[in-house]
Amino acid sequence: MLSAEPVTVDRGRYQDAVTPWEDPAWRSAALGWARAQLTAHGLRPTGEWRVRLRPWSVLVRLSVAGRGAVWFKASPPAAAFEGPLTAVLARRVPGRVLEPLAVDTRRGWTLLPDGGPLFREVLARGTAGPGTWEELLRQYAAVQHTLTAHAPEIERLGVPTTALPGTLDRLDETPLPAADRARLRRLRPRLTDWCAELAALGVPDSLDHADLHDGQLFHPAPGRFTFFDWGDAVVAHPFCSLAVPARRAAEHYGPQVLPRLRDAYLEPWTGAGRTGGELRRAVHLAWRLSAPTRAAAYGRLFPTAVDGAGAATAAAGARCLLELLDEPPL
């Protein structure tokens, strides 16, 4: 049986955020479901568990006898597609993502196996260099390339699609200063042109993780990467995914690594009549156009996550939009 109280509750920077965890009935139902699914898999929780609460998720680490840990995740309604999406990805790109033990589509609940050490933990040990980042981007791009054929199936799960020029029609809803809103409005004609040019280069839409940093993938062994946490995902131009991991790598090793990372990412996309110059131009355009996609994901919160937490995430999303004004480094 699980303990009556969690061992620890981690709220991070969102000490005042209200999540479903605060509702005893919800908490009992969620943990009861997790316990039942473990039993169905012949697994027994040992009673030690840790809870991580954020305005966009409830994550519970359940210690399991003989297995280490299993993870329960509750997603907000706007990201309830995450569990079904993870299950589809486990079929379409097996070995590249976590395969869920159980999914409750209606309630947005997922039970996941442990994926091993995070890539962030491997980086902290100093055992990974720029070449490791190149390989993870090569593998991630191969996943996206495979999923281009399955984009309609992914959309039917409720994964959002992008409508980039329209993003700038809703600036009055953001907490940006008036001067910044005016600068972005002036950019709208160019944004439309960039979108048209990117589409004309002929790379089909795929799944964009939209937040692929070093804490969003596992690195269980040399040459192996497992991608997870798809709550921010969209169906969009796949190259929009590159900006987040490339920026993180540049923070570690300097901007001189960026061309190598770009070229590694582009390897699975070569051919199909596209020149290297066209693919590099697509990266340049998609880097900038990834900003509205990431900004929109900040709105996928629990309905109860209001006040300070809601304002903080809205402000972070608005700041993403300002990246449209920056010249891409590639």
C-alpha atoms as a PDB file:
ATOM      1  CA  MET A   1       0.000   0.000   0.000  1.00  0.00           C
ATOM      2  CA  LEU A   2       1.051   3.590  -0.559  1.00  0.00           C
ATOM      3  CA  SER A   3       1.781   5.762   2.430  1.00  0.00           C
ATOM      4  CA  ALA A   4      -0.964   8.044   3.706  1.00  0.00           C
ATOM      5  CA  GLU A   5       1.248  11.066   3.093  1.00  0.00           C
ATOM      6  CA  PRO A   6       3.969  11.723   0.499  1.00  0.00           C
ATOM      7  CA  VAL A   7       7.591  11.641   1.533  1.00  0.00           C
ATOM      8  CA  THR A   8       8.233  15.019  -0.118  1.00  0.00           C
ATOM      9  CA  VAL A   9       6.265  17.570  -2.092  1.00  0.00           C
ATOM     10  CA  ASP A  10       8.271  19.735  -4.465  1.00  0.00           C
ATOM     11  CA  ARG A  11       6.528  22.910  -5.681  1.00  0.00           C
ATOM     12  CA  GLY A  12       9.606  24.545  -7.192  1.00  0.00           C
ATOM     13  CA  ARG A  13       9.107  28.253  -7.851  1.00  0.00           C
ATOM     14  CA  TYR A  14       5.313  27.865  -7.762  1.00  0.00           C
ATOM     15  CA  GLN A  15       4.632  27.707  -4.050  1.00  0.00           C
ATOM     16  CA  ASP A  16       1.132  29.159  -4.399  1.00  0.00           C
ATOM     17  CA  ALA A  17       0.006  27.173  -7.441  1.00  0.00           C
ATOM     18  CA  VAL A  18      -3.195  25.203  -6.905  1.00  0.00           C
ATOM     19  CA  THR A  19      -3.198  21.841  -8.675  1.00  0.00           C
ATOM     20  CA  PRO A  20      -5.625  18.895  -8.530  1.00  0.00           C
ATOM     21  CA  TRP A  21      -3.339  17.371  -5.910  1.00  0.00           C
ATOM     22  CA  GLU A  22      -4.902  19.671  -3.311  1.00  0.00           C
ATOM     23  CA  ASP A  23      -8.261  17.899  -3.783  1.00  0.00           C
ATOM     24  CA  PRO A  24      -8.308  14.808  -1.501  1.00  0.00           C
ATOM     25  CA  ALA A  25     -10.872  13.024  -3.686  1.00  0.00           C
ATOM     26  CA  TRP A  26      -8.800  13.593  -6.819  1.00  0.00           C
ATOM     27  CA  ARG A  27      -5.632  12.510  -5.034  1.00  0.00           C
ATOM     28  CA  SER A  28      -7.258   9.322  -3.785  1.00  0.00           C
ATOM     29  CA  ALA A  29      -8.658   8.481  -7.224  1.00  0.00           C
ATOM     30  CA  ALA A  30      -5.370   9.171  -9.001  1.00  0.00           C
ATOM     31  CA  LEU A  31      -3.221   7.120  -6.669  1.00  0.00           C
ATOM     32  CA  GLY A  32      -5.832   4.370  -6.549  1.00  0.00           C
ATOM     33  CA  TRP A  33      -5.730   4.197 -10.342  1.00  0.00           C
ATOM     34  CA  ALA A  34      -1.936   4.080 -10.320  1.00  0.00           C
ATOM     35  CA  ARG A  35      -1.949   1.307  -7.720  1.00  0.00           C
ATOM     36  CA  ALA A  36      -4.478  -0.715  -9.733  1.00  0.00           C
ATOM     37  CA  GLN A  37      -2.409  -0.377 -12.909  1.00  0.00           C
ATOM     38  CA  LEU A  38       0.721  -1.488 -11.083  1.00  0.00           C
ATOM     39  CA  THR A  39      -1.125  -4.525  -9.778  1.00  0.00           C
ATOM     40  CA  ALA A  40      -2.276  -5.344 -13.307  1.00  0.00           C
ATOM     41  CA  HIS A  41       1.379  -5.417 -14.340  1.00  0.00           C
ATOM     42  CA  GLY A  42       2.376  -7.580 -11.397  1.00  0.00           C
ATOM     43  CA  LEU A  43       4.173  -4.700  -9.675  1.00  0.00           C
ATOM     44  CA  ARG A  44       4.040  -3.771  -5.996  1.00  0.00           C
ATOM     45  CA  PRO A  45       4.599  -0.228  -4.690  1.00  0.00           C
ATOM     46  CA  THR A  46       6.845  -0.140  -1.642  1.00  0.00           C
ATOM     47  CA  GLY A  47       5.266   2.920  -0.028  1.00  0.00           C
ATOM     48  CA  GLU A  48       7.964   5.523  -0.770  1.00  0.00           C
ATOM     49  CA  TRP A  49       6.783   8.259  -3.085  1.00  0.00           C
ATOM     50  CA  ARG A  50       7.669  11.797  -4.058  1.00  0.00           C
ATOM     51  CA  VAL A  51       5.435  14.425  -5.579  1.00  0.00           C
ATOM     52  CA  ARG A  52       6.406  17.230  -7.963  1.00  0.00           C
ATOM     53  CA  LEU A  53       3.705  19.885  -8.434  1.00  0.00           C
ATOM     54  CA  ARG A  54       3.726  22.464 -11.203  1.00  0.00           C
ATOM     55  CA  PRO A  55       0.913  24.546 -12.727  1.00  0.00           C
ATOM     56  CA  TRP A  56       1.147  22.289 -15.804  1.00  0.00           C
ATOM     57  CA  SER A  57       1.539  18.800 -14.269  1.00  0.00           C
ATOM     58  CA  VAL A  58       1.376  16.552 -11.238  1.00  0.00           C
ATOM     59  CA  LEU A  59       4.208  14.026 -11.213  1.00  0.00           C
ATOM     60  CA  VAL A  60       4.515  11.256  -8.623  1.00  0.00           C
ATOM     61  CA  ARG A  61       7.493   8.961  -8.297  1.00  0.00           C
ATOM     62  CA  LEU A  62       6.396   5.574  -6.977  1.00  0.00           C
ATOM     63  CA  SER A  63       9.031   3.203  -5.695  1.00  0.00           C
ATOM     64  CA  VAL A  64       8.310  -0.302  -6.935  1.00  0.00           C
ATOM     65  CA  ALA A  65       9.674  -3.529  -5.494  1.00  0.00           C
ATOM     66  CA  GLY A  66      12.315  -5.048  -7.740  1.00  0.00           C
ATOM     67  CA  ARG A  67      12.044  -2.327 -10.383  1.00  0.00           C
ATOM     68  CA  GLY A  68      13.184   0.951  -8.906  1.00  0.00           C
ATOM     69  CA  ALA A  69      10.541   3.507  -9.820  1.00  0.00           C
ATOM     70  CA  VAL A  70       7.418   4.074 -11.857  1.00  0.00           C
ATOM     71  CA  TRP A  71       6.028   7.526 -12.603  1.00  0.00           C
ATOM     72  CA  PHE A  72       2.435   8.749 -12.492  1.00  0.00           C
ATOM     73  CA  LYS A  73       1.745  11.914 -14.472  1.00  0.00           C
ATOM     74  CA  ALA A  74      -1.412  14.004 -14.590  1.00  0.00           C
ATOM     75  CA  SER A  75      -1.602  16.512 -17.437  1.00  0.00           C
ATOM     76  CA  PRO A  76      -3.972  19.511 -17.624  1.00  0.00           C
ATOM     77  CA  PRO A  77      -6.961  19.324 -19.997  1.00  0.00           C
ATOM     78  CA  ALA A  78      -5.145  21.317 -22.690  1.00  0.00           C
ATOM     79  CA  ALA A  79      -2.381  18.689 -22.721  1.00  0.00           C
ATOM     80  CA  ALA A  80      -4.494  15.596 -22.075  1.00  0.00           C
ATOM     81  CA  PHE A  81      -3.272  14.271 -25.423  1.00  0.00           C
ATOM     82  CA  GLU A  82       0.149  13.540 -23.883  1.00  0.00           C
ATOM     83  CA  GLY A  83      -0.609  10.013 -22.692  1.00  0.00           C
ATOM     84  CA  PRO A  84      -2.259   8.837 -25.934  1.00  0.00           C
ATOM     85  CA  LEU A  85       0.490  10.546 -27.925  1.00  0.00           C
ATOM     86  CA  THR A  86       3.188   8.746 -25.951  1.00  0.00           C
ATOM     87  CA  ALA A  87       1.436   5.431 -26.613  1.00  0.00           C
ATOM     88  CA  VAL A  88       1.278   6.142 -30.356  1.00  0.00           C
ATOM     89  CA  LEU A  89       4.943   7.154 -30.419  1.00  0.00           C
ATOM     90  CA  ALA A  90       5.903   3.926 -28.668  1.00  0.00           C
ATOM     91  CA  ARG A  91       4.344   2.062 -31.623  1.00  0.00           C
ATOM     92  CA  ARG A  92       5.632   4.317 -34.399  1.00  0.00           C
ATOM     93  CA  VAL A  93       9.184   4.905 -33.126  1.00  0.00           C
ATOM     94  CA  PRO A  94       9.784   2.058 -30.661  1.00  0.00           C
ATOM     95  CA  GLY A  95      12.817   2.379 -28.463  1.00  0.00           C
ATOM     96  CA  ARG A  96      12.987   6.157 -28.911  1.00  0.00           C
ATOM     97  CA  VAL A  97      10.327   7.079 -26.328  1.00  0.00           C
ATOM     98  CA  LEU A  98       8.991   5.695 -23.084  1.00  0.00           C
ATOM     99  CA  GLU A  99       6.289   3.069 -23.558  1.00  0.00           C
ATOM    100  CA  PRO A 100       3.457   3.805 -21.102  1.00  0.00           C
ATOM    101  CA  LEU A 101       2.338   1.121 -18.689  1.00  0.00           C
ATOM    102  CA  ALA A 102      -1.169   2.597 -18.702  1.00  0.00           C
ATOM    103  CA  VAL A 103      -3.050   5.626 -20.049  1.00  0.00           C
ATOM    104  CA  ASP A 104      -6.353   7.143 -18.942  1.00  0.00           C
ATOM    105  CA  THR A 105      -7.222   9.380 -21.881  1.00  0.00           C
ATOM    106  CA  ARG A 106     -10.298  10.963 -20.334  1.00  0.00           C
ATOM    107  CA  ARG A 107      -8.547  12.092 -17.166  1.00  0.00           C
ATOM    108  CA  GLY A 108      -5.143  12.850 -18.686  1.00  0.00           C
ATOM    109  CA  TRP A 109      -3.323  10.295 -16.533  1.00  0.00           C
ATOM    110  CA  THR A 110      -0.315   8.252 -17.582  1.00  0.00           C
ATOM    111  CA  LEU A 111       1.799   5.644 -15.827  1.00  0.00           C
ATOM    112  CA  LEU A 112       5.354   5.460 -17.162  1.00  0.00           C
ATOM    113  CA  PRO A 113       8.423   3.317 -16.516  1.00  0.00           C
ATOM    114  CA  ASP A 114      11.649   4.888 -15.356  1.00  0.00           C
ATOM    115  CA  GLY A 115      13.896   5.906 -18.237  1.00  0.00           C
ATOM    116  CA  GLY A 116      17.269   5.888 -16.506  1.00  0.00           C
ATOM    117  CA  PRO A 117      19.541   8.915 -16.043  1.00  0.00           C
ATOM    118  CA  LEU A 118      18.497  12.215 -17.494  1.00  0.00           C
ATOM    119  CA  PHE A 119      20.834  13.679 -20.086  1.00  0.00           C
ATOM    120  CA  ARG A 120      21.229  16.615 -17.672  1.00  0.00           C
ATOM    121  CA  GLU A 121      22.670  14.252 -15.075  1.00  0.00           C
ATOM    122  CA  VAL A 122      25.115  12.805 -17.600  1.00  0.00           C
ATOM    123  CA  LEU A 123      26.225  16.322 -18.527  1.00  0.00           C
ATOM    124  CA  ALA A 124      26.825  17.132 -14.865  1.00  0.00           C
ATOM    125  CA  ARG A 125      29.230  14.185 -14.665  1.00  0.00           C
ATOM    126  CA  GLY A 126      31.272  15.683 -17.496  1.00  0.00           C
ATOM    127  CA  THR A 127      31.075  12.543 -19.628  1.00  0.00           C
ATOM    128  CA  ALA A 128      29.346  14.073 -22.672  1.00  0.00           C
ATOM    129  CA  GLY A 129      30.758  16.492 -25.212  1.00  0.00           C
ATOM    130  CA  PRO A 130      29.479  18.254 -28.335  1.00  0.00           C
ATOM    131  CA  GLY A 131      29.508  14.977 -30.252  1.00  0.00           C
ATOM    132  CA  THR A 132      26.900  13.573 -27.871  1.00  0.00           C
ATOM    133  CA  TRP A 133      24.610  16.498 -28.636  1.00  0.00           C
ATOM    134  CA  GLU A 134      25.133  15.886 -32.341  1.00  0.00           C
ATOM    135  CA  GLU A 135      24.084  12.263 -31.982  1.00  0.00           C
ATOM    136  CA  LEU A 136      20.985  13.049 -29.929  1.00  0.00           C
ATOM    137  CA  LEU A 137      19.890  15.628 -32.522  1.00  0.00           C
ATOM    138  CA  ARG A 138      20.546  13.154 -35.328  1.00  0.00           C
ATOM    139  CA  GLN A 139      18.360  10.569 -33.571  1.00  0.00           C
ATOM    140  CA  TYR A 140      15.638  13.061 -32.713  1.00  0.00           C
ATOM    141  CA  ALA A 141      15.509  14.280 -36.315  1.00  0.00           C
ATOM    142  CA  ALA A 142      15.194  10.658 -37.467  1.00  0.00           C
ATOM    143  CA  VAL A 143      12.171  10.304 -35.150  1.00  0.00           C
ATOM    144  CA  GLN A 144      10.598  13.413 -36.651  1.00  0.00           C
ATOM    145  CA  HIS A 145      11.347  12.229 -40.177  1.00  0.00           C
ATOM    146  CA  THR A 146       9.548   8.948 -39.494  1.00  0.00           C
ATOM    147  CA  LEU A 147       6.590  10.761 -37.963  1.00  0.00           C
ATOM    148  CA  THR A 148       5.922  12.970 -40.986  1.00  0.00           C
ATOM    149  CA  ALA A 149       3.859  10.087 -42.375  1.00  0.00           C
ATOM    150  CA  HIS A 150       1.830   9.963 -39.161  1.00  0.00           C
ATOM    151  CA  ALA A 151       1.117  13.681 -38.665  1.00  0.00           C
ATOM    152  CA  PRO A 152      -2.641  13.295 -39.390  1.00  0.00           C
ATOM    153  CA  GLU A 153      -2.893  10.513 -36.797  1.00  0.00           C
ATOM    154  CA  ILE A 154      -1.087  12.687 -34.256  1.00  0.00           C
ATOM    155  CA  GLU A 155      -3.410  15.624 -34.960  1.00  0.00           C
ATOM    156  CA  ARG A 156      -6.447  13.410 -34.332  1.00  0.00           C
ATOM    157  CA  LEU A 157      -5.176  12.817 -30.792  1.00  0.00           C
ATOM    158  CA  GLY A 158      -5.728  16.512 -30.077  1.00  0.00           C
ATOM    159  CA  VAL A 159      -2.122  17.636 -30.474  1.00  0.00           C
ATOM    160  CA  PRO A 160      -2.345  21.332 -31.473  1.00  0.00           C
ATOM    161  CA  THR A 161      -1.247  22.667 -34.816  1.00  0.00           C
ATOM    162  CA  THR A 162       0.337  26.059 -35.388  1.00  0.00           C
ATOM    163  CA  ALA A 163      -1.234  29.156 -36.919  1.00  0.00           C
ATOM    164  CA  LEU A 164       1.784  31.406 -36.781  1.00  0.00           C
ATOM    165  CA  PRO A 165       0.744  34.710 -38.393  1.00  0.00           C
ATOM    166  CA  GLY A 166      -2.431  34.730 -36.300  1.00  0.00           C
ATOM    167  CA  THR A 167      -0.337  34.694 -33.140  1.00  0.00           C
ATOM    168  CA  LEU A 168       0.334  38.395 -33.544  1.00  0.00           C
ATOM    169  CA  ASP A 169      -3.389  39.160 -33.781  1.00  0.00           C
ATOM    170  CA  ARG A 170      -3.785  38.392 -30.075  1.00  0.00           C
ATOM    171  CA  LEU A 171      -1.057  40.576 -28.637  1.00  0.00           C
ATOM    172  CA  ASP A 172      -3.467  42.598 -26.518  1.00  0.00           C
ATOM    173  CA  GLU A 173      -4.059  39.415 -24.493  1.00  0.00           C
ATOM    174  CA  THR A 174      -0.386  39.259 -23.475  1.00  0.00           C
ATOM    175  CA  PRO A 175       1.275  41.090 -20.557  1.00  0.00           C
ATOM    176  CA  LEU A 176       3.896  42.620 -22.864  1.00  0.00           C
ATOM    177  CA  PRO A 177       4.563  46.360 -22.617  1.00  0.00           C
ATOM    178  CA  ALA A 178       2.852  48.475 -25.267  1.00  0.00           C
ATOM    179  CA  ALA A 179       6.155  49.245 -27.003  1.00  0.00           C
ATOM    180  CA  ASP A 180       6.950  45.546 -27.429  1.00  0.00           C
ATOM    181  CA  ARG A 181       3.463  44.814 -28.730  1.00  0.00           C
ATOM    182  CA  ALA A 182       3.885  47.575 -31.301  1.00  0.00           C
ATOM    183  CA  ARG A 183       7.233  46.161 -32.464  1.00  0.00           C
ATOM    184  CA  LEU A 184       5.708  42.723 -32.925  1.00  0.00           C
ATOM    185  CA  ARG A 185       2.696  44.078 -34.825  1.00  0.00           C
ATOM    186  CA  ARG A 186       5.023  45.761 -37.276  1.00  0.00           C
ATOM    187  CA  LEU A 187       6.640  42.384 -37.843  1.00  0.00           C
ATOM    188  CA  ARG A 188       3.442  40.673 -38.984  1.00  0.00           C
ATOM    189  CA  PRO A 189       3.906  41.130 -42.778  1.00  0.00           C
ATOM    190  CA  ARG A 190       7.405  39.696 -42.549  1.00  0.00           C
ATOM    191  CA  LEU A 191       6.140  36.808 -40.421  1.00  0.00           C
ATOM    192  CA  THR A 192       3.651  35.919 -43.142  1.00  0.00           C
ATOM    193  CA  ASP A 193       6.420  35.986 -45.740  1.00  0.00           C
ATOM    194  CA  TRP A 194       8.716  33.809 -43.614  1.00  0.00           C
ATOM    195  CA  CYS A 195       5.962  31.226 -43.125  1.00  0.00           C
ATOM    196  CA  ALA A 196       5.268  31.120 -46.859  1.00  0.00           C
ATOM    197  CA  GLU A 197       8.941  30.742 -47.702  1.00  0.00           C
ATOM    198  CA  LEU A 198       9.408  27.963 -45.147  1.00  0.00           C
ATOM    199  CA  ALA A 199       6.397  26.056 -46.492  1.00  0.00           C
ATOM    200  CA  ALA A 200       7.683  26.423 -50.074  1.00  0.00           C
ATOM    201  CA  LEU A 201      10.918  24.633 -49.156  1.00  0.00           C
ATOM    202  CA  GLY A 202       8.867  21.448 -49.005  1.00  0.00           C
ATOM    203  CA  VAL A 203       9.686  19.840 -45.642  1.00  0.00           C
ATOM    204  CA  PRO A 204       6.392  18.349 -44.374  1.00  0.00           C
ATOM    205  CA  ASP A 205       5.006  18.996 -40.914  1.00  0.00           C
ATOM    206  CA  SER A 206       5.821  16.556 -38.146  1.00  0.00           C
ATOM    207  CA  LEU A 207       5.833  16.416 -34.374  1.00  0.00           C
ATOM    208  CA  ASP A 208       7.664  19.273 -32.671  1.00  0.00           C
ATOM    209  CA  HIS A 209       8.507  18.529 -29.038  1.00  0.00           C
ATOM    210  CA  ALA A 210       8.766  22.323 -28.520  1.00  0.00           C
ATOM    211  CA  ASP A 211      10.836  22.059 -25.318  1.00  0.00           C
ATOM    212  CA  LEU A 212      13.611  19.534 -25.975  1.00  0.00           C
ATOM    213  CA  HIS A 213      16.183  20.566 -23.386  1.00  0.00           C
ATOM    214  CA  ASP A 214      18.601  18.362 -21.458  1.00  0.00           C
ATOM    215  CA  GLY A 215      16.008  17.595 -18.788  1.00  0.00           C
ATOM    216  CA  GLN A 216      13.524  16.214 -21.316  1.00  0.00           C
ATOM    217  CA  LEU A 217      15.423  13.171 -22.512  1.00  0.00           C
ATOM    218  CA  PHE A 218      17.133  10.191 -20.956  1.00  0.00           C
ATOM    219  CA  HIS A 219      20.628   9.003 -21.819  1.00  0.00           C
ATOM    220  CA  PRO A 220      20.696   5.467 -20.381  1.00  0.00           C
ATOM    221  CA  ALA A 221      23.769   4.278 -22.317  1.00  0.00           C
ATOM    222  CA  PRO A 222      26.300   5.559 -24.853  1.00  0.00           C
ATOM    223  CA  GLY A 223      24.555   6.225 -28.151  1.00  0.00           C
ATOM    224  CA  ARG A 224      21.072   5.760 -26.655  1.00  0.00           C
ATOM    225  CA  PHE A 225      18.525   8.513 -26.064  1.00  0.00           C
ATOM    226  CA  THR A 226      14.907   8.319 -24.959  1.00  0.00           C
ATOM    227  CA  PHE A 227      12.688  11.352 -25.542  1.00  0.00           C
ATOM    228  CA  PHE A 228       9.806  12.142 -23.179  1.00  0.00           C
ATOM    229  CA  ASP A 229       7.526  14.844 -21.758  1.00  0.00           C
ATOM    230  CA  TRP A 230       5.345  15.699 -24.768  1.00  0.00           C
ATOM    231  CA  GLY A 231       2.936  18.096 -23.046  1.00  0.00           C
ATOM    232  CA  ASP A 232       4.173  21.110 -25.048  1.00  0.00           C
ATOM    233  CA  ALA A 233       4.165  19.271 -28.376  1.00  0.00           C
ATOM    234  CA  VAL A 234       2.601  20.584 -31.573  1.00  0.00           C
ATOM    235  CA  VAL A 235       2.280  19.468 -35.157  1.00  0.00           C
ATOM    236  CA  ALA A 236       4.406  22.012 -36.977  1.00  0.00           C
ATOM    237  CA  HIS A 237       7.453  22.407 -39.144  1.00  0.00           C
ATOM    238  CA  PRO A 238       9.869  19.903 -37.586  1.00  0.00           C
ATOM    239  CA  PHE A 239      12.869  22.234 -37.718  1.00  0.00           C
ATOM    240  CA  CYS A 240      11.234  24.448 -35.084  1.00  0.00           C
ATOM    241  CA  SER A 241      12.486  21.858 -32.585  1.00  0.00           C
ATOM    242  CA  LEU A 242      16.139  22.708 -33.078  1.00  0.00           C
ATOM    243  CA  ALA A 243      16.351  26.062 -31.292  1.00  0.00           C
ATOM    244  CA  VAL A 244      15.899  24.824 -27.715  1.00  0.00           C
ATOM    245  CA  PRO A 245      18.515  22.028 -27.654  1.00  0.00           C
ATOM    246  CA  ALA A 246      20.960  24.003 -29.806  1.00  0.00           C
ATOM    247  CA  ARG A 247      20.810  26.942 -27.399  1.00  0.00           C
ATOM    248  CA  ARG A 248      21.449  24.629 -24.447  1.00  0.00           C
ATOM    249  CA  ALA A 249      24.458  23.077 -26.152  1.00  0.00           C
ATOM    250  CA  ALA A 250      25.822  26.521 -26.997  1.00  0.00           C
ATOM    251  CA  GLU A 251      25.536  27.463 -23.318  1.00  0.00           C
ATOM    252  CA  HIS A 252      27.831  24.529 -22.500  1.00  0.00           C
ATOM    253  CA  TYR A 253      30.369  24.776 -25.326  1.00  0.00           C
ATOM    254  CA  GLY A 254      29.958  28.159 -26.996  1.00  0.00           C
ATOM    255  CA  PRO A 255      28.222  29.245 -30.219  1.00  0.00           C
ATOM    256  CA  GLN A 256      30.917  27.684 -32.394  1.00  0.00           C
ATOM    257  CA  VAL A 257      29.185  24.287 -31.970  1.00  0.00           C
ATOM    258  CA  LEU A 258      25.977  25.459 -33.637  1.00  0.00           C
ATOM    259  CA  PRO A 259      26.869  24.692 -37.282  1.00  0.00           C
ATOM    260  CA  ARG A 260      27.883  21.138 -36.329  1.00  0.00           C
ATOM    261  CA  LEU A 261      24.634  20.620 -34.431  1.00  0.00           C
ATOM    262  CA  ARG A 262      22.609  21.962 -37.343  1.00  0.00           C
ATOM    263  CA  ASP A 263      24.361  19.691 -39.824  1.00  0.00           C
ATOM    264  CA  ALA A 264      23.863  16.632 -37.605  1.00  0.00           C
ATOM    265  CA  TYR A 265      20.187  17.473 -37.233  1.00  0.00           C
ATOM    266  CA  LEU A 266      19.777  17.862 -40.991  1.00  0.00           C
ATOM    267  CA  GLU A 267      21.317  14.490 -41.908  1.00  0.00           C
ATOM    268  CA  PRO A 268      18.000  12.558 -41.878  1.00  0.00           C
ATOM    269  CA  TRP A 269      16.387  15.265 -44.021  1.00  0.00           C
ATOM    270  CA  THR A 270      18.842  15.229 -46.914  1.00  0.00           C
ATOM    271  CA  GLY A 271      17.678  13.961 -50.277  1.00  0.00           C
ATOM    272  CA  ALA A 272      14.148  14.275 -51.671  1.00  0.00           C
ATOM    273  CA  GLY A 273      15.490  16.871 -54.116  1.00  0.00           C
ATOM    274  CA  ARG A 274      16.387  19.397 -51.395  1.00  0.00           C
ATOM    275  CA  THR A 275      19.782  21.077 -51.499  1.00  0.00           C
ATOM    276  CA  GLY A 276      21.934  21.712 -48.467  1.00  0.00           C
ATOM    277  CA  GLY A 277      21.411  25.429 -48.921  1.00  0.00           C
ATOM    278  CA  GLU A 278      17.634  25.024 -48.901  1.00  0.00           C
ATOM    279  CA  LEU A 279      17.744  22.945 -45.725  1.00  0.00           C
ATOM    280  CA  ARG A 280      19.976  25.471 -43.978  1.00  0.00           C
ATOM    281  CA  ARG A 281      17.627  28.267 -45.027  1.00  0.00           C
ATOM    282  CA  ALA A 282      14.735  26.282 -43.563  1.00  0.00           C
ATOM    283  CA  VAL A 283      16.609  25.992 -40.265  1.00  0.00           C
ATOM    284  CA  HIS A 284      17.160  29.761 -40.246  1.00  0.00           C
ATOM    285  CA  LEU A 285      13.463  30.457 -40.774  1.00  0.00           C
ATOM    286  CA  ALA A 286      12.192  27.781 -38.391  1.00  0.00           C
ATOM    287  CA  TRP A 287      14.524  28.918 -35.610  1.00  0.00           C
ATOM    288  CA  ARG A 288      12.755  32.264 -35.464  1.00  0.00           C
ATOM    289  CA  LEU A 289       9.287  30.830 -36.070  1.00  0.00           C
ATOM    290  CA  SER A 290       9.608  28.420 -33.147  1.00  0.00           C
ATOM    291  CA  ALA A 291       9.003  31.305 -30.726  1.00  0.00           C
ATOM    292  CA  PRO A 292       5.177  31.545 -31.057  1.00  0.00           C
ATOM    293  CA  THR A 293       4.832  27.780 -30.736  1.00  0.00           C
ATOM    294  CA  ARG A 294       6.691  27.782 -27.429  1.00  0.00           C
ATOM    295  CA  ALA A 295       4.794  30.854 -26.263  1.00  0.00           C
ATOM    296  CA  ALA A 296       1.451  29.117 -26.812  1.00  0.00           C
ATOM    297  CA  ALA A 297       2.474  26.106 -24.720  1.00  0.00           C
ATOM    298  CA  TYR A 298       2.678  28.267 -21.600  1.00  0.00           C
ATOM    299  CA  GLY A 299      -1.121  28.422 -21.591  1.00  0.00           C
ATOM    300  CA  ARG A 300      -1.530  24.684 -21.003  1.00  0.00           C
ATOM    301  CA  LEU A 301      -2.111  24.897 -17.270  1.00  0.00           C
ATOM    302  CA  PHE A 302      -4.524  23.331 -14.842  1.00  0.00           C
ATOM    303  CA  PRO A 303      -7.679  25.499 -14.648  1.00  0.00           C
ATOM    304  CA  THR A 304      -6.933  25.998 -10.941  1.00  0.00           C
ATOM    305  CA  ALA A 305      -3.448  27.401 -11.650  1.00  0.00           C
ATOM    306  CA  VAL A 306      -4.387  31.059 -11.476  1.00  0.00           C
ATOM    307  CA  ASP A 307      -3.182  34.214  -9.764  1.00  0.00           C
ATOM    308  CA  GLY A 308       0.593  34.270  -9.282  1.00  0.00           C
ATOM    309  CA  ALA A 309       1.347  31.021 -11.097  1.00  0.00           C
ATOM    310  CA  GLY A 310      -0.857  31.913 -14.035  1.00  0.00           C
ATOM    311  CA  ALA A 311       0.645  35.378 -14.296  1.00  0.00           C
ATOM    312  CA  ALA A 312       4.202  34.034 -14.136  1.00  0.00           C
ATOM    313  CA  THR A 313       3.640  31.510 -16.912  1.00  0.00           C
ATOM    314  CA  ALA A 314       1.794  34.072 -19.058  1.00  0.00           C
ATOM    315  CA  ALA A 315       4.736  36.442 -18.698  1.00  0.00           C
ATOM    316  CA  ALA A 316       7.199  33.707 -19.665  1.00  0.00           C
ATOM    317  CA  GLY A 317       5.137  32.870 -22.733  1.00  0.00           C
ATOM    318  CA  ALA A 318       4.982  36.503 -23.740  1.00  0.00           C
ATOM    319  CA  ARG A 319       8.747  36.810 -23.484  1.00  0.00           C
ATOM    320  CA  CYS A 320       9.063  33.924 -25.954  1.00  0.00           C
ATOM    321  CA  LEU A 321       7.257  36.027 -28.553  1.00  0.00           C
ATOM    322  CA  LEU A 322       9.988  38.644 -28.343  1.00  0.00           C
ATOM    323  CA  GLU A 323      12.401  36.097 -29.836  1.00  0.00           C
ATOM    324  CA  LEU A 324      10.681  36.761 -33.154  1.00  0.00           C
ATOM    325  CA  LEU A 325      12.607  40.028 -33.181  1.00  0.00           C
ATOM    326  CA  ASP A 326      16.021  38.351 -32.840  1.00  0.00           C
ATOM    327  CA  GLU A 327      18.180  37.376 -35.776  1.00  0.00           C
ATOM    328  CA  PRO A 328      18.718  33.574 -35.687  1.00  0.00           C
ATOM    329  CA  PRO A 329      22.340  32.528 -35.084  1.00  0.00           C
ATOM    330  CA  LEU A 330      22.177  29.958 -37.909  1.00  0.00           C
END
